[in-house]
Amino acid sequence: MAFVKLQTDVLAVPRPGLVYKIWRESHPPLGERIDFANDYRPWREGQPLTYGDRFKKE
């Protein structure tokens, strides 16, 4: 929901065309970020978290 709110606040294009991405983007577009967040589940295959070292372990 945070990505959708950010997109609507700045009127961003969630899935720009390839030429626009190559020429203008320095980060992945919001649509790709949302897809990554929805699909990132390495624990299902027993793999470690790719970015697990960036979180506090309690």
N, C-alpha and C. Protein backbone atom coordinates (compact mmCIF):
# COMPACT_ATOMS: atom_id res chain seq x y z
N MET A 1 0.81 -1.19 0.00
CA MET A 1 0.00 0.00 0.00
C MET A 1 0.86 1.26 0.00
N ALA A 2 2.04 1.19 0.61
CA ALA A 2 2.91 2.36 0.65
C ALA A 2 3.38 2.74 -0.75
N PHE A 3 3.72 1.73 -1.57
CA PHE A 3 4.16 2.03 -2.94
C PHE A 3 3.03 2.65 -3.75
N VAL A 4 1.82 2.18 -3.58
CA VAL A 4 0.68 2.73 -4.32
C VAL A 4 0.44 4.16 -3.89
N LYS A 5 0.52 4.44 -2.59
CA LYS A 5 0.33 5.82 -2.09
C LYS A 5 1.41 6.73 -2.65
N LEU A 6 2.65 6.26 -2.64
CA LEU A 6 3.76 7.05 -3.19
C LEU A 6 3.52 7.36 -4.66
N GLN A 7 3.09 6.37 -5.38
CA GLN A 7 2.86 6.54 -6.82
C GLN A 7 1.77 7.57 -7.08
N THR A 8 0.67 7.50 -6.36
CA THR A 8 -0.42 8.44 -6.60
C THR A 8 -0.07 9.84 -6.16
N ASP A 9 0.76 9.97 -5.13
CA ASP A 9 1.16 11.30 -4.66
C ASP A 9 2.04 12.03 -5.67
N VAL A 10 2.91 11.31 -6.35
CA VAL A 10 3.83 11.96 -7.29
C VAL A 10 3.45 11.73 -8.74
N LEU A 11 2.30 11.11 -8.96
CA LEU A 11 1.79 10.84 -10.31
C LEU A 11 2.79 10.06 -11.16
N ALA A 12 3.41 9.08 -10.55
CA ALA A 12 4.41 8.27 -11.25
C ALA A 12 3.74 7.25 -12.18
N VAL A 13 4.47 6.85 -13.19
CA VAL A 13 4.02 5.81 -14.10
C VAL A 13 4.54 4.48 -13.51
N PRO A 14 3.65 3.56 -13.11
CA PRO A 14 4.12 2.35 -12.44
C PRO A 14 4.91 1.39 -13.32
N ARG A 15 4.62 1.37 -14.62
CA ARG A 15 5.31 0.47 -15.53
C ARG A 15 5.67 1.22 -16.81
N PRO A 16 6.73 2.04 -16.75
CA PRO A 16 7.11 2.79 -17.95
C PRO A 16 7.70 1.87 -19.02
N GLY A 17 7.78 2.36 -20.23
CA GLY A 17 8.34 1.59 -21.33
C GLY A 17 9.83 1.39 -21.17
N LEU A 18 10.37 0.47 -21.96
CA LEU A 18 11.78 0.10 -21.86
C LEU A 18 12.71 1.29 -22.14
N VAL A 19 12.41 2.06 -23.17
CA VAL A 19 13.27 3.20 -23.52
C VAL A 19 13.30 4.21 -22.38
N TYR A 20 12.15 4.49 -21.79
CA TYR A 20 12.08 5.42 -20.66
C TYR A 20 12.89 4.88 -19.48
N LYS A 21 12.74 3.59 -19.20
CA LYS A 21 13.49 2.99 -18.09
C LYS A 21 14.99 3.12 -18.30
N ILE A 22 15.45 2.82 -19.49
CA ILE A 22 16.88 2.88 -19.76
C ILE A 22 17.39 4.31 -19.70
N TRP A 23 16.63 5.24 -20.23
CA TRP A 23 17.09 6.62 -20.36
C TRP A 23 16.94 7.42 -19.07
N ARG A 24 15.83 7.22 -18.34
CA ARG A 24 15.52 8.12 -17.24
C ARG A 24 15.60 7.52 -15.83
N GLU A 25 15.39 6.24 -15.69
CA GLU A 25 15.27 5.66 -14.36
C GLU A 25 16.63 5.35 -13.75
N SER A 26 16.77 5.65 -12.45
CA SER A 26 17.97 5.24 -11.72
C SER A 26 17.64 4.13 -10.73
N HIS A 27 16.35 3.89 -10.50
CA HIS A 27 15.87 2.84 -9.61
C HIS A 27 14.78 2.06 -10.34
N PRO A 28 14.47 0.87 -9.88
CA PRO A 28 13.39 0.13 -10.53
C PRO A 28 12.06 0.88 -10.40
N PRO A 29 11.22 0.81 -11.43
CA PRO A 29 9.92 1.47 -11.34
C PRO A 29 9.07 0.84 -10.23
N LEU A 30 8.07 1.58 -9.78
CA LEU A 30 7.23 1.11 -8.68
C LEU A 30 6.56 -0.22 -8.98
N GLY A 31 6.15 -0.45 -10.20
CA GLY A 31 5.51 -1.71 -10.55
C GLY A 31 6.44 -2.89 -10.33
N GLU A 32 7.73 -2.73 -10.69
CA GLU A 32 8.70 -3.80 -10.47
C GLU A 32 8.98 -4.00 -8.99
N ARG A 33 9.00 -2.92 -8.22
CA ARG A 33 9.22 -3.03 -6.78
C ARG A 33 8.08 -3.78 -6.11
N ILE A 34 6.86 -3.47 -6.53
CA ILE A 34 5.70 -4.16 -5.97
C ILE A 34 5.74 -5.64 -6.33
N ASP A 35 6.08 -5.96 -7.58
CA ASP A 35 6.20 -7.36 -7.99
C ASP A 35 7.24 -8.09 -7.15
N PHE A 36 8.39 -7.46 -6.92
CA PHE A 36 9.45 -8.07 -6.12
C PHE A 36 8.97 -8.33 -4.70
N ALA A 37 8.33 -7.33 -4.09
CA ALA A 37 7.85 -7.48 -2.71
C ALA A 37 6.81 -8.59 -2.61
N ASN A 38 5.96 -8.71 -3.61
CA ASN A 38 4.92 -9.75 -3.59
C ASN A 38 5.48 -11.14 -3.84
N ASP A 39 6.58 -11.25 -4.59
CA ASP A 39 7.11 -12.55 -4.97
C ASP A 39 8.30 -13.02 -4.15
N TYR A 40 8.87 -12.18 -3.29
CA TYR A 40 10.08 -12.51 -2.56
C TYR A 40 9.75 -13.39 -1.35
N ARG A 41 9.99 -14.70 -1.52
CA ARG A 41 9.75 -15.66 -0.45
C ARG A 41 10.78 -16.78 -0.51
N PRO A 42 12.05 -16.49 -0.20
CA PRO A 42 13.08 -17.52 -0.31
C PRO A 42 12.91 -18.65 0.71
N TRP A 43 12.24 -18.38 1.82
CA TRP A 43 12.06 -19.39 2.86
C TRP A 43 11.20 -20.56 2.38
N ARG A 44 10.42 -20.37 1.35
CA ARG A 44 9.61 -21.47 0.82
C ARG A 44 10.47 -22.58 0.26
N GLU A 45 11.63 -22.22 -0.32
CA GLU A 45 12.55 -23.21 -0.87
C GLU A 45 13.68 -23.52 0.11
N GLY A 46 13.61 -23.01 1.32
CA GLY A 46 14.65 -23.25 2.32
C GLY A 46 15.91 -22.44 2.11
N GLN A 47 15.83 -21.37 1.33
CA GLN A 47 16.98 -20.50 1.07
C GLN A 47 17.04 -19.41 2.15
N PRO A 48 18.24 -18.89 2.41
CA PRO A 48 18.35 -17.79 3.38
C PRO A 48 17.83 -16.49 2.77
N LEU A 49 17.50 -15.55 3.61
CA LEU A 49 17.08 -14.23 3.13
C LEU A 49 18.26 -13.54 2.45
N THR A 50 18.03 -13.00 1.28
CA THR A 50 19.09 -12.31 0.56
C THR A 50 19.54 -11.06 1.31
N TYR A 51 18.61 -10.35 1.91
CA TYR A 51 18.91 -9.11 2.62
C TYR A 51 18.74 -9.27 4.12
N GLY A 52 18.86 -10.48 4.62
CA GLY A 52 18.66 -10.76 6.03
C GLY A 52 19.65 -10.08 6.94
N ASP A 53 20.86 -9.80 6.45
CA ASP A 53 21.86 -9.14 7.27
C ASP A 53 21.53 -7.68 7.57
N ARG A 54 20.53 -7.14 6.92
CA ARG A 54 20.15 -5.74 7.12
C ARG A 54 19.05 -5.56 8.14
N PHE A 55 18.62 -6.65 8.75
CA PHE A 55 17.56 -6.60 9.75
C PHE A 55 18.11 -7.00 11.11
N LYS A 56 17.56 -6.40 12.15
CA LYS A 56 17.94 -6.78 13.51
C LYS A 56 17.35 -8.14 13.83
N LYS A 57 18.14 -8.94 14.50
CA LYS A 57 17.66 -10.24 14.96
C LYS A 57 17.44 -10.15 16.45
N GLU A 58 16.26 -10.50 16.87
CA GLU A 58 15.94 -10.40 18.29
C GLU A 58 15.84 -11.76 18.90
